[in-house]
Amino acid sequence: MPLTLAFTTSSALDANKNEPFELGSVQWIRRFGDGERPALACGYWHVTPAEAPEPFDLVMEADETISIVQGHLTIEVEGGDVYDLLPGGAASFNRGARTRWTVLEPTIEFFVYS
């Protein structure tokens, strides 16, 4: 049986729904706790080089999978891989991974925390 994929393009994003986030802003699709799932959330993260002018370190607080909708960023995993992510690029990280992020262009990232 063929796999059917459904997705939302950046044209469906609504900037009026963006909320401040730790860095940049986020448009939530599913918040932690929705559907009685306390560890599951997803949405669109928006960030610009002006909001993150220097690389920043981030320890992953949950398993996280991302896909770049628009823009360009790099993520270095301590002791491991470097991801150069452009539109259509994706990566997945385990909870506890130590990473360094560099925002190279205004970026919209779709993310899922689990």
PDB file of N, CA and C in Angstrom:
ATOM      1  N   MET A   1       0.853  -1.175   0.000  1.00  0.00           N
ATOM      2  CA  MET A   1       0.000   0.000   0.000  1.00  0.00           C
ATOM      3  C   MET A   1       0.901   1.241   0.000  1.00  0.00           C
ATOM      4  N   PRO A   2       0.694   2.198  -0.917  1.00  0.00           N
ATOM      5  CA  PRO A   2       1.538   3.392  -0.977  1.00  0.00           C
ATOM      6  C   PRO A   2       1.323   4.282   0.250  1.00  0.00           C
ATOM      7  N   LEU A   3       2.397   4.922   0.646  1.00  0.00           N
ATOM      8  CA  LEU A   3       2.366   5.859   1.766  1.00  0.00           C
ATOM      9  C   LEU A   3       1.861   7.207   1.277  1.00  0.00           C
ATOM     10  N   THR A   4       0.897   7.787   1.979  1.00  0.00           N
ATOM     11  CA  THR A   4       0.365   9.098   1.632  1.00  0.00           C
ATOM     12  C   THR A   4       0.851  10.101   2.657  1.00  0.00           C
ATOM     13  N   LEU A   5       1.442  11.176   2.210  1.00  0.00           N
ATOM     14  CA  LEU A   5       1.932  12.222   3.100  1.00  0.00           C
ATOM     15  C   LEU A   5       1.102  13.480   2.923  1.00  0.00           C
ATOM     16  N   ALA A   6       0.804  14.132   4.007  1.00  0.00           N
ATOM     17  CA  ALA A   6       0.124  15.422   3.968  1.00  0.00           C
ATOM     18  C   ALA A   6       1.002  16.432   4.688  1.00  0.00           C
ATOM     19  N   PHE A   7       1.090  17.626   4.172  1.00  0.00           N
ATOM     20  CA  PHE A   7       1.910  18.637   4.821  1.00  0.00           C
ATOM     21  C   PHE A   7       1.342  20.016   4.549  1.00  0.00           C
ATOM     22  N   THR A   8       1.785  20.969   5.362  1.00  0.00           N
ATOM     23  CA  THR A   8       1.384  22.360   5.217  1.00  0.00           C
ATOM     24  C   THR A   8       2.564  23.123   4.651  1.00  0.00           C
ATOM     25  N   THR A   9       2.328  23.972   3.688  1.00  0.00           N
ATOM     26  CA  THR A   9       3.404  24.788   3.142  1.00  0.00           C
ATOM     27  C   THR A   9       3.480  26.110   3.894  1.00  0.00           C
ATOM     28  N   SER A  10       4.557  26.841   3.686  1.00  0.00           N
ATOM     29  CA  SER A  10       4.737  28.102   4.396  1.00  0.00           C
ATOM     30  C   SER A  10       3.631  29.102   4.086  1.00  0.00           C
ATOM     31  N   SER A  11       2.928  28.940   2.958  1.00  0.00           N
ATOM     32  CA  SER A  11       1.837  29.859   2.637  1.00  0.00           C
ATOM     33  C   SER A  11       0.682  29.728   3.622  1.00  0.00           C
ATOM     34  N   ALA A  12       0.600  28.587   4.342  1.00  0.00           N
ATOM     35  CA  ALA A  12      -0.472  28.381   5.320  1.00  0.00           C
ATOM     36  C   ALA A  12      -0.092  28.922   6.693  1.00  0.00           C
ATOM     37  N   LEU A  13       1.136  29.358   6.880  1.00  0.00           N
ATOM     38  CA  LEU A  13       1.557  29.904   8.164  1.00  0.00           C
ATOM     39  C   LEU A  13       0.869  31.239   8.395  1.00  0.00           C
ATOM     40  N   ASP A  14       0.545  31.518   9.630  1.00  0.00           N
ATOM     41  CA  ASP A  14      -0.133  32.758   9.987  1.00  0.00           C
ATOM     42  C   ASP A  14       0.726  33.504  11.000  1.00  0.00           C
ATOM     43  N   ALA A  15       1.440  34.528  10.559  1.00  0.00           N
ATOM     44  CA  ALA A  15       2.331  35.293  11.437  1.00  0.00           C
ATOM     45  C   ALA A  15       1.586  35.900  12.623  1.00  0.00           C
ATOM     46  N   ASN A  16       0.268  36.116  12.485  1.00  0.00           N
ATOM     47  CA  ASN A  16      -0.511  36.657  13.601  1.00  0.00           C
ATOM     48  C   ASN A  16      -0.638  35.662  14.753  1.00  0.00           C
ATOM     49  N   LYS A  17      -0.347  34.388  14.496  1.00  0.00           N
ATOM     50  CA  LYS A  17      -0.432  33.363  15.533  1.00  0.00           C
ATOM     51  C   LYS A  17       0.914  33.111  16.217  1.00  0.00           C
ATOM     52  N   ASN A  18       1.958  33.798  15.772  1.00  0.00           N
ATOM     53  CA  ASN A  18       3.269  33.622  16.382  1.00  0.00           C
ATOM     54  C   ASN A  18       3.275  34.154  17.802  1.00  0.00           C
ATOM     55  N   GLU A  19       3.980  33.442  18.673  1.00  0.00           N
ATOM     56  CA  GLU A  19       4.155  33.844  20.063  1.00  0.00           C
ATOM     57  C   GLU A  19       5.651  33.927  20.351  1.00  0.00           C
ATOM     58  N   PRO A  20       6.041  34.772  21.290  1.00  0.00           N
ATOM     59  CA  PRO A  20       7.457  34.796  21.672  1.00  0.00           C
ATOM     60  C   PRO A  20       7.901  33.415  22.138  1.00  0.00           C
ATOM     61  N   PHE A  21       9.145  33.094  21.836  1.00  0.00           N
ATOM     62  CA  PHE A  21       9.728  31.812  22.230  1.00  0.00           C
ATOM     63  C   PHE A  21      11.049  32.113  22.912  1.00  0.00           C
ATOM     64  N   GLU A  22      11.755  31.114  23.380  1.00  0.00           N
ATOM     65  CA  GLU A  22      13.047  31.333  24.032  1.00  0.00           C
ATOM     66  C   GLU A  22      13.969  32.157  23.142  1.00  0.00           C
ATOM     67  N   LEU A  23      13.900  31.910  21.861  1.00  0.00           N
ATOM     68  CA  LEU A  23      14.647  32.657  20.850  1.00  0.00           C
ATOM     69  C   LEU A  23      13.762  32.664  19.615  1.00  0.00           C
ATOM     70  N   GLY A  24      13.501  33.821  19.053  1.00  0.00           N
ATOM     71  CA  GLY A  24      12.609  33.904  17.908  1.00  0.00           C
ATOM     72  C   GLY A  24      11.157  33.814  18.358  1.00  0.00           C
ATOM     73  N   SER A  25      10.331  33.187  17.514  1.00  0.00           N
ATOM     74  CA  SER A  25       8.907  33.036  17.848  1.00  0.00           C
ATOM     75  C   SER A  25       8.440  31.661  17.389  1.00  0.00           C
ATOM     76  N   VAL A  26       7.257  31.271  17.870  1.00  0.00           N
ATOM     77  CA  VAL A  26       6.722  29.954  17.536  1.00  0.00           C
ATOM     78  C   VAL A  26       5.234  30.067  17.224  1.00  0.00           C
ATOM     79  N   GLN A  27       4.793  29.281  16.270  1.00  0.00           N
ATOM     80  CA  GLN A  27       3.369  29.102  15.989  1.00  0.00           C
ATOM     81  C   GLN A  27       3.064  27.648  16.333  1.00  0.00           C
ATOM     82  N   TRP A  28       2.375  27.439  17.447  1.00  0.00           N
ATOM     83  CA  TRP A  28       2.073  26.093  17.911  1.00  0.00           C
ATOM     84  C   TRP A  28       0.989  25.451  17.047  1.00  0.00           C
ATOM     85  N   ILE A  29       1.175  24.193  16.721  1.00  0.00           N
ATOM     86  CA  ILE A  29       0.132  23.377  16.112  1.00  0.00           C
ATOM     87  C   ILE A  29      -0.475  22.488  17.192  1.00  0.00           C
ATOM     88  N   ARG A  30       0.390  21.953  18.026  1.00  0.00           N
ATOM     89  CA  ARG A  30      -0.027  21.101  19.140  1.00  0.00           C
ATOM     90  C   ARG A  30       0.839  21.461  20.336  1.00  0.00           C
ATOM     91  N   ARG A  31       0.197  21.836  21.427  1.00  0.00           N
ATOM     92  CA  ARG A  31       0.924  22.208  22.648  1.00  0.00           C
ATOM     93  C   ARG A  31       1.099  20.977  23.542  1.00  0.00           C
ATOM     94  N   PHE A  32       2.129  21.051  24.382  1.00  0.00           N
ATOM     95  CA  PHE A  32       2.318  19.988  25.366  1.00  0.00           C
ATOM     96  C   PHE A  32       1.021  19.783  26.135  1.00  0.00           C
ATOM     97  N   GLY A  33       0.604  18.539  26.279  1.00  0.00           N
ATOM     98  CA  GLY A  33      -0.604  18.226  27.036  1.00  0.00           C
ATOM     99  C   GLY A  33      -1.855  18.076  26.198  1.00  0.00           C
ATOM    100  N   ASP A  34      -1.857  18.608  24.972  1.00  0.00           N
ATOM    101  CA  ASP A  34      -3.041  18.426  24.125  1.00  0.00           C
ATOM    102  C   ASP A  34      -3.282  16.929  23.922  1.00  0.00           C
ATOM    103  N   GLY A  35      -4.562  16.538  23.944  1.00  0.00           N
ATOM    104  CA  GLY A  35      -4.907  15.138  23.746  1.00  0.00           C
ATOM    105  C   GLY A  35      -4.345  14.235  24.828  1.00  0.00           C
ATOM    106  N   GLU A  36      -4.139  14.817  26.002  1.00  0.00           N
ATOM    107  CA  GLU A  36      -3.596  14.067  27.141  1.00  0.00           C
ATOM    108  C   GLU A  36      -2.235  13.454  26.832  1.00  0.00           C
ATOM    109  N   ARG A  37      -1.432  14.160  26.044  1.00  0.00           N
ATOM    110  CA  ARG A  37      -0.079  13.718  25.695  1.00  0.00           C
ATOM    111  C   ARG A  37       0.908  14.756  26.215  1.00  0.00           C
ATOM    112  N   PRO A  38       1.334  14.668  27.490  1.00  0.00           N
ATOM    113  CA  PRO A  38       2.149  15.713  28.101  1.00  0.00           C
ATOM    114  C   PRO A  38       3.532  15.897  27.489  1.00  0.00           C
ATOM    115  N   ALA A  39       4.051  14.905  26.799  1.00  0.00           N
ATOM    116  CA  ALA A  39       5.402  15.006  26.264  1.00  0.00           C
ATOM    117  C   ALA A  39       5.448  15.257  24.758  1.00  0.00           C
ATOM    118  N   LEU A  40       4.311  15.529  24.131  1.00  0.00           N
ATOM    119  CA  LEU A  40       4.266  15.688  22.681  1.00  0.00           C
ATOM    120  C   LEU A  40       3.820  17.099  22.323  1.00  0.00           C
ATOM    121  N   ALA A  41       4.580  17.747  21.449  1.00  0.00           N
ATOM    122  CA  ALA A  41       4.225  19.082  20.950  1.00  0.00           C
ATOM    123  C   ALA A  41       4.837  19.254  19.575  1.00  0.00           C
ATOM    124  N   CYS A  42       4.254  20.171  18.771  1.00  0.00           N
ATOM    125  CA  CYS A  42       4.833  20.485  17.470  1.00  0.00           C
ATOM    126  C   CYS A  42       4.397  21.878  17.040  1.00  0.00           C
ATOM    127  N   GLY A  43       5.150  22.433  16.118  1.00  0.00           N
ATOM    128  CA  GLY A  43       4.826  23.754  15.618  1.00  0.00           C
ATOM    129  C   GLY A  43       5.887  24.246  14.660  1.00  0.00           C
ATOM    130  N   TYR A  44       5.820  25.538  14.378  1.00  0.00           N
ATOM    131  CA  TYR A  44       6.779  26.201  13.495  1.00  0.00           C
ATOM    132  C   TYR A  44       7.588  27.200  14.313  1.00  0.00           C
ATOM    133  N   TRP A  45       8.893  27.068  14.241  1.00  0.00           N
ATOM    134  CA  TRP A  45       9.801  28.000  14.908  1.00  0.00           C
ATOM    135  C   TRP A  45      10.313  28.972  13.856  1.00  0.00           C
ATOM    136  N   HIS A  46      10.234  30.258  14.157  1.00  0.00           N
ATOM    137  CA  HIS A  46      10.705  31.326  13.274  1.00  0.00           C
ATOM    138  C   HIS A  46      11.880  32.012  13.953  1.00  0.00           C
ATOM    139  N   VAL A  47      12.990  32.161  13.244  1.00  0.00           N
ATOM    140  CA  VAL A  47      14.157  32.834  13.822  1.00  0.00           C
ATOM    141  C   VAL A  47      14.934  33.509  12.698  1.00  0.00           C
ATOM    142  N   THR A  48      15.544  34.643  13.025  1.00  0.00           N
ATOM    143  CA  THR A  48      16.356  35.386  12.050  1.00  0.00           C
ATOM    144  C   THR A  48      17.788  35.502  12.570  1.00  0.00           C
ATOM    145  N   PRO A  49      18.741  35.776  11.679  1.00  0.00           N
ATOM    146  CA  PRO A  49      20.107  36.012  12.136  1.00  0.00           C
ATOM    147  C   PRO A  49      20.200  37.199  13.110  1.00  0.00           C
ATOM    148  N   ALA A  50      19.336  38.184  12.993  1.00  0.00           N
ATOM    149  CA  ALA A  50      19.349  39.311  13.925  1.00  0.00           C
ATOM    150  C   ALA A  50      18.964  38.859  15.334  1.00  0.00           C
ATOM    151  N   GLU A  51      18.071  37.862  15.431  1.00  0.00           N
ATOM    152  CA  GLU A  51      17.666  37.342  16.742  1.00  0.00           C
ATOM    153  C   GLU A  51      18.707  36.393  17.332  1.00  0.00           C
ATOM    154  N   ALA A  52      19.521  35.810  16.478  1.00  0.00           N
ATOM    155  CA  ALA A  52      20.583  34.891  16.900  1.00  0.00           C
ATOM    156  C   ALA A  52      21.846  35.225  16.120  1.00  0.00           C
ATOM    157  N   PRO A  53      22.474  36.380  16.421  1.00  0.00           N
ATOM    158  CA  PRO A  53      23.620  36.816  15.627  1.00  0.00           C
ATOM    159  C   PRO A  53      24.878  35.968  15.830  1.00  0.00           C
ATOM    160  N   GLU A  54      24.939  35.215  16.913  1.00  0.00           N
ATOM    161  CA  GLU A  54      26.078  34.345  17.201  1.00  0.00           C
ATOM    162  C   GLU A  54      25.577  32.910  17.341  1.00  0.00           C
ATOM    163  N   PRO A  55      26.446  31.931  17.071  1.00  0.00           N
ATOM    164  CA  PRO A  55      26.046  30.544  17.338  1.00  0.00           C
ATOM    165  C   PRO A  55      25.647  30.394  18.810  1.00  0.00           C
ATOM    166  N   PHE A  56      24.688  29.512  19.086  1.00  0.00           N
ATOM    167  CA  PHE A  56      24.259  29.297  20.462  1.00  0.00           C
ATOM    168  C   PHE A  56      24.201  27.805  20.761  1.00  0.00           C
ATOM    169  N   ASP A  57      24.514  27.478  22.005  1.00  0.00           N
ATOM    170  CA  ASP A  57      24.507  26.092  22.453  1.00  0.00           C
ATOM    171  C   ASP A  57      23.130  25.736  22.983  1.00  0.00           C
ATOM    172  N   LEU A  58      22.724  24.496  22.733  1.00  0.00           N
ATOM    173  CA  LEU A  58      21.427  24.017  23.183  1.00  0.00           C
ATOM    174  C   LEU A  58      21.547  22.544  23.547  1.00  0.00           C
ATOM    175  N   VAL A  59      21.173  22.214  24.783  1.00  0.00           N
ATOM    176  CA  VAL A  59      21.053  20.821  25.183  1.00  0.00           C
ATOM    177  C   VAL A  59      19.599  20.438  24.956  1.00  0.00           C
ATOM    178  N   MET A  60      19.371  19.397  24.185  1.00  0.00           N
ATOM    179  CA  MET A  60      18.013  18.995  23.829  1.00  0.00           C
ATOM    180  C   MET A  60      17.284  18.496  25.073  1.00  0.00           C
ATOM    181  N   GLU A  61      16.155  19.140  25.380  1.00  0.00           N
ATOM    182  CA  GLU A  61      15.383  18.783  26.570  1.00  0.00           C
ATOM    183  C   GLU A  61      14.396  17.651  26.300  1.00  0.00           C
ATOM    184  N   ALA A  62      14.193  17.324  25.041  1.00  0.00           N
ATOM    185  CA  ALA A  62      13.309  16.223  24.638  1.00  0.00           C
ATOM    186  C   ALA A  62      13.859  15.662  23.333  1.00  0.00           C
ATOM    187  N   ASP A  63      13.377  14.496  22.928  1.00  0.00           N
ATOM    188  CA  ASP A  63      13.678  14.051  21.575  1.00  0.00           C
ATOM    189  C   ASP A  63      13.048  15.080  20.641  1.00  0.00           C
ATOM    190  N   GLU A  64      13.773  15.476  19.615  1.00  0.00           N
ATOM    191  CA  GLU A  64      13.248  16.495  18.701  1.00  0.00           C
ATOM    192  C   GLU A  64      13.595  16.132  17.265  1.00  0.00           C
ATOM    193  N   THR A  65      12.599  16.238  16.401  1.00  0.00           N
ATOM    194  CA  THR A  65      12.784  16.064  14.962  1.00  0.00           C
ATOM    195  C   THR A  65      12.376  17.363  14.292  1.00  0.00           C
ATOM    196  N   ILE A  66      13.208  17.815  13.344  1.00  0.00           N
ATOM    197  CA  ILE A  66      12.954  19.094  12.678  1.00  0.00           C
ATOM    198  C   ILE A  66      13.008  18.926  11.164  1.00  0.00           C
ATOM    199  N   SER A  67      12.322  19.837  10.489  1.00  0.00           N
ATOM    200  CA  SER A  67      12.382  19.939   9.035  1.00  0.00           C
ATOM    201  C   SER A  67      12.374  21.422   8.680  1.00  0.00           C
ATOM    202  N   ILE A  68      13.257  21.824   7.797  1.00  0.00           N
ATOM    203  CA  ILE A  68      13.363  23.232   7.416  1.00  0.00           C
ATOM    204  C   ILE A  68      12.362  23.529   6.309  1.00  0.00           C
ATOM    205  N   VAL A  69      11.490  24.503   6.571  1.00  0.00           N
ATOM    206  CA  VAL A  69      10.506  24.949   5.596  1.00  0.00           C
ATOM    207  C   VAL A  69      11.113  26.039   4.726  1.00  0.00           C
ATOM    208  N   GLN A  70      11.858  26.934   5.368  1.00  0.00           N
ATOM    209  CA  GLN A  70      12.448  28.092   4.684  1.00  0.00           C
ATOM    210  C   GLN A  70      13.699  28.490   5.449  1.00  0.00           C
ATOM    211  N   GLY A  71      14.723  28.926   4.736  1.00  0.00           N
ATOM    212  CA  GLY A  71      15.915  29.452   5.389  1.00  0.00           C
ATOM    213  C   GLY A  71      17.094  28.506   5.376  1.00  0.00           C
ATOM    214  N   HIS A  72      18.009  28.732   6.329  1.00  0.00           N
ATOM    215  CA  HIS A  72      19.261  27.980   6.354  1.00  0.00           C
ATOM    216  C   HIS A  72      19.847  28.075   7.752  1.00  0.00           C
ATOM    217  N   LEU A  73      20.161  26.921   8.315  1.00  0.00           N
ATOM    218  CA  LEU A  73      20.885  26.900   9.586  1.00  0.00           C
ATOM    219  C   LEU A  73      21.772  25.679   9.634  1.00  0.00           C
ATOM    220  N   THR A  74      22.775  25.731  10.524  1.00  0.00           N
ATOM    221  CA  THR A  74      23.610  24.571  10.759  1.00  0.00           C
ATOM    222  C   THR A  74      23.481  24.173  12.220  1.00  0.00           C
ATOM    223  N   ILE A  75      23.590  22.877  12.452  1.00  0.00           N
ATOM    224  CA  ILE A  75      23.559  22.340  13.806  1.00  0.00           C
ATOM    225  C   ILE A  75      24.723  21.369  13.935  1.00  0.00           C
ATOM    226  N   GLU A  76      25.588  21.642  14.901  1.00  0.00           N
ATOM    227  CA  GLU A  76      26.710  20.763  15.205  1.00  0.00           C
ATOM    228  C   GLU A  76      26.355  19.972  16.457  1.00  0.00           C
ATOM    229  N   VAL A  77      26.513  18.663  16.410  1.00  0.00           N
ATOM    230  CA  VAL A  77      26.286  17.811  17.573  1.00  0.00           C
ATOM    231  C   VAL A  77      27.642  17.538  18.196  1.00  0.00           C
ATOM    232  N   GLU A  78      27.744  17.795  19.504  1.00  0.00           N
ATOM    233  CA  GLU A  78      29.007  17.600  20.206  1.00  0.00           C
ATOM    234  C   GLU A  78      29.534  16.186  19.972  1.00  0.00           C
ATOM    235  N   GLY A  79      30.771  16.107  19.476  1.00  0.00           N
ATOM    236  CA  GLY A  79      31.394  14.820  19.234  1.00  0.00           C
ATOM    237  C   GLY A  79      30.815  14.057  18.063  1.00  0.00           C
ATOM    238  N   GLY A  80      30.081  14.746  17.188  1.00  0.00           N
ATOM    239  CA  GLY A  80      29.430  13.995  16.112  1.00  0.00           C
ATOM    240  C   GLY A  80      29.237  14.773  14.843  1.00  0.00           C
ATOM    241  N   ASP A  81      28.031  14.681  14.315  1.00  0.00           N
ATOM    242  CA  ASP A  81      27.702  15.187  12.995  1.00  0.00           C
ATOM    243  C   ASP A  81      27.477  16.698  12.967  1.00  0.00           C
ATOM    244  N   VAL A  82      27.587  17.243  11.755  1.00  0.00           N
ATOM    245  CA  VAL A  82      27.211  18.631  11.472  1.00  0.00           C
ATOM    246  C   VAL A  82      26.129  18.570  10.404  1.00  0.00           C
ATOM    247  N   TYR A  83      25.004  19.215  10.689  1.00  0.00           N
ATOM    248  CA  TYR A  83      23.880  19.253   9.752  1.00  0.00           C
ATOM    249  C   TYR A  83      23.815  20.637   9.130  1.00  0.00           C
ATOM    250  N   ASP A  84      23.897  20.701   7.807  1.00  0.00           N
ATOM    251  CA  ASP A  84      23.729  21.944   7.056  1.00  0.00           C
ATOM    252  C   ASP A  84      22.334  21.867   6.448  1.00  0.00           C
ATOM    253  N   LEU A  85      21.380  22.568   7.077  1.00  0.00           N
ATOM    254  CA  LEU A  85      19.969  22.368   6.753  1.00  0.00           C
ATOM    255  C   LEU A  85      19.395  23.511   5.919  1.00  0.00           C
ATOM    256  N   LEU A  86      18.868  23.150   4.778  1.00  0.00           N
ATOM    257  CA  LEU A  86      18.189  24.042   3.845  1.00  0.00           C
ATOM    258  C   LEU A  86      16.745  23.555   3.699  1.00  0.00           C
ATOM    259  N   PRO A  87      15.877  24.296   2.988  1.00  0.00           N
ATOM    260  CA  PRO A  87      14.492  23.838   2.837  1.00  0.00           C
ATOM    261  C   PRO A  87      14.405  22.383   2.370  1.00  0.00           C
ATOM    262  N   GLY A  88      13.575  21.627   3.078  1.00  0.00           N
ATOM    263  CA  GLY A  88      13.424  20.207   2.797  1.00  0.00           C
ATOM    264  C   GLY A  88      14.354  19.331   3.614  1.00  0.00           C
ATOM    265  N   GLY A  89      15.380  19.931   4.228  1.00  0.00           N
ATOM    266  CA  GLY A  89      16.307  19.171   5.052  1.00  0.00           C
ATOM    267  C   GLY A  89      15.685  18.844   6.400  1.00  0.00           C
ATOM    268  N   ALA A  90      16.101  17.728   6.961  1.00  0.00           N
ATOM    269  CA  ALA A  90      15.542  17.296   8.238  1.00  0.00           C
ATOM    270  C   ALA A  90      16.639  16.668   9.088  1.00  0.00           C
ATOM    271  N   ALA A  91      16.413  16.670  10.394  1.00  0.00           N
ATOM    272  CA  ALA A  91      17.331  16.042  11.345  1.00  0.00           C
ATOM    273  C   ALA A  91      16.538  15.633  12.566  1.00  0.00           C
ATOM    274  N   SER A  92      17.098  14.695  13.334  1.00  0.00           N
ATOM    275  CA  SER A  92      16.442  14.237  14.542  1.00  0.00           C
ATOM    276  C   SER A  92      17.496  14.067  15.624  1.00  0.00           C
ATOM    277  N   PHE A  93      17.150  14.486  16.854  1.00  0.00           N
ATOM    278  CA  PHE A  93      18.097  14.496  17.957  1.00  0.00           C
ATOM    279  C   PHE A  93      17.481  13.825  19.175  1.00  0.00           C
ATOM    280  N   ASN A  94      18.308  13.095  19.897  1.00  0.00           N
ATOM    281  CA  ASN A  94      17.869  12.477  21.141  1.00  0.00           C
ATOM    282  C   ASN A  94      17.926  13.476  22.284  1.00  0.00           C
ATOM    283  N   ARG A  95      17.056  13.285  23.246  1.00  0.00           N
ATOM    284  CA  ARG A  95      17.087  14.079  24.472  1.00  0.00           C
ATOM    285  C   ARG A  95      18.491  13.994  25.068  1.00  0.00           C
ATOM    286  N   GLY A  96      18.984  15.153  25.507  1.00  0.00           N
ATOM    287  CA  GLY A  96      20.305  15.219  26.108  1.00  0.00           C
ATOM    288  C   GLY A  96      21.432  15.543  25.140  1.00  0.00           C
ATOM    289  N   ALA A  97      21.159  15.504  23.828  1.00  0.00           N
ATOM    290  CA  ALA A  97      22.200  15.832  22.849  1.00  0.00           C
ATOM    291  C   ALA A  97      22.660  17.271  23.064  1.00  0.00           C
ATOM    292  N   ARG A  98      23.969  17.463  23.021  1.00  0.00           N
ATOM    293  CA  ARG A  98      24.549  18.808  23.156  1.00  0.00           C
ATOM    294  C   ARG A  98      24.825  19.325  21.743  1.00  0.00           C
ATOM    295  N   THR A  99      24.203  20.464  21.415  1.00  0.00           N
ATOM    296  CA  THR A  99      24.279  20.977  20.047  1.00  0.00           C
ATOM    297  C   THR A  99      24.674  22.445  20.041  1.00  0.00           C
ATOM    298  N   ARG A 100      25.184  22.889  18.894  1.00  0.00           N
ATOM    299  CA  ARG A 100      25.473  24.300  18.650  1.00  0.00           C
ATOM    300  C   ARG A 100      24.782  24.680  17.350  1.00  0.00           C
ATOM    301  N   TRP A 101      23.912  25.707  17.427  1.00  0.00           N
ATOM    302  CA  TRP A 101      23.097  26.140  16.304  1.00  0.00           C
ATOM    303  C   TRP A 101      23.625  27.459  15.751  1.00  0.00           C
ATOM    304  N   THR A 102      23.642  27.584  14.414  1.00  0.00           N
ATOM    305  CA  THR A 102      23.998  28.825  13.741  1.00  0.00           C
ATOM    306  C   THR A 102      22.894  29.153  12.739  1.00  0.00           C
ATOM    307  N   VAL A 103      22.261  30.310  12.902  1.00  0.00           N
ATOM    308  CA  VAL A 103      21.193  30.753  12.004  1.00  0.00           C
ATOM    309  C   VAL A 103      21.836  31.583  10.898  1.00  0.00           C
ATOM    310  N   LEU A 104      21.805  31.077   9.671  1.00  0.00           N
ATOM    311  CA  LEU A 104      22.478  31.722   8.545  1.00  0.00           C
ATOM    312  C   LEU A 104      21.549  32.601   7.716  1.00  0.00           C
ATOM    313  N   GLU A 105      20.253  32.291   7.720  1.00  0.00           N
ATOM    314  CA  GLU A 105      19.239  33.066   6.999  1.00  0.00           C
ATOM    315  C   GLU A 105      17.969  33.051   7.845  1.00  0.00           C
ATOM    316  N   PRO A 106      17.047  33.994   7.604  1.00  0.00           N
ATOM    317  CA  PRO A 106      15.752  33.877   8.289  1.00  0.00           C
ATOM    318  C   PRO A 106      15.188  32.480   8.033  1.00  0.00           C
ATOM    319  N   THR A 107      14.805  31.798   9.098  1.00  0.00           N
ATOM    320  CA  THR A 107      14.462  30.380   9.006  1.00  0.00           C
ATOM    321  C   THR A 107      13.105  30.093   9.633  1.00  0.00           C
ATOM    322  N   ILE A 108      12.359  29.208   8.979  1.00  0.00           N
ATOM    323  CA  ILE A 108      11.154  28.619   9.555  1.00  0.00           C
ATOM    324  C   ILE A 108      11.408  27.124   9.606  1.00  0.00           C
ATOM    325  N   GLU A 109      11.268  26.584  10.811  1.00  0.00           N
ATOM    326  CA  GLU A 109      11.525  25.166  11.050  1.00  0.00           C
ATOM    327  C   GLU A 109      10.263  24.534  11.612  1.00  0.00           C
ATOM    328  N   PHE A 110       9.853  23.426  11.045  1.00  0.00           N
ATOM    329  CA  PHE A 110       8.791  22.624  11.646  1.00  0.00           C
ATOM    330  C   PHE A 110       9.457  21.670  12.629  1.00  0.00           C
ATOM    331  N   PHE A 111       8.927  21.583  13.848  1.00  0.00           N
ATOM    332  CA  PHE A 111       9.539  20.732  14.873  1.00  0.00           C
ATOM    333  C   PHE A 111       8.486  19.857  15.541  1.00  0.00           C
ATOM    334  N   VAL A 112       8.955  18.709  16.023  1.00  0.00           N
ATOM    335  CA  VAL A 112       8.144  17.826  16.849  1.00  0.00           C
ATOM    336  C   VAL A 112       8.981  17.448  18.065  1.00  0.00           C
ATOM    337  N   TYR A 113       8.463  17.749  19.255  1.00  0.00           N
ATOM    338  CA  TYR A 113       9.063  17.311  20.511  1.00  0.00           C
ATOM    339  C   TYR A 113       8.319  16.062  20.951  1.00  0.00           C
ATOM    340  N   SER A 114       9.075  15.071  21.414  1.00  0.00           N
ATOM    341  CA  SER A 114       8.429  13.867  21.936  1.00  0.00           C
ATOM    342  C   SER A 114       9.232  13.322  23.100  1.00  0.00           C
TER     343      SER A 114
END
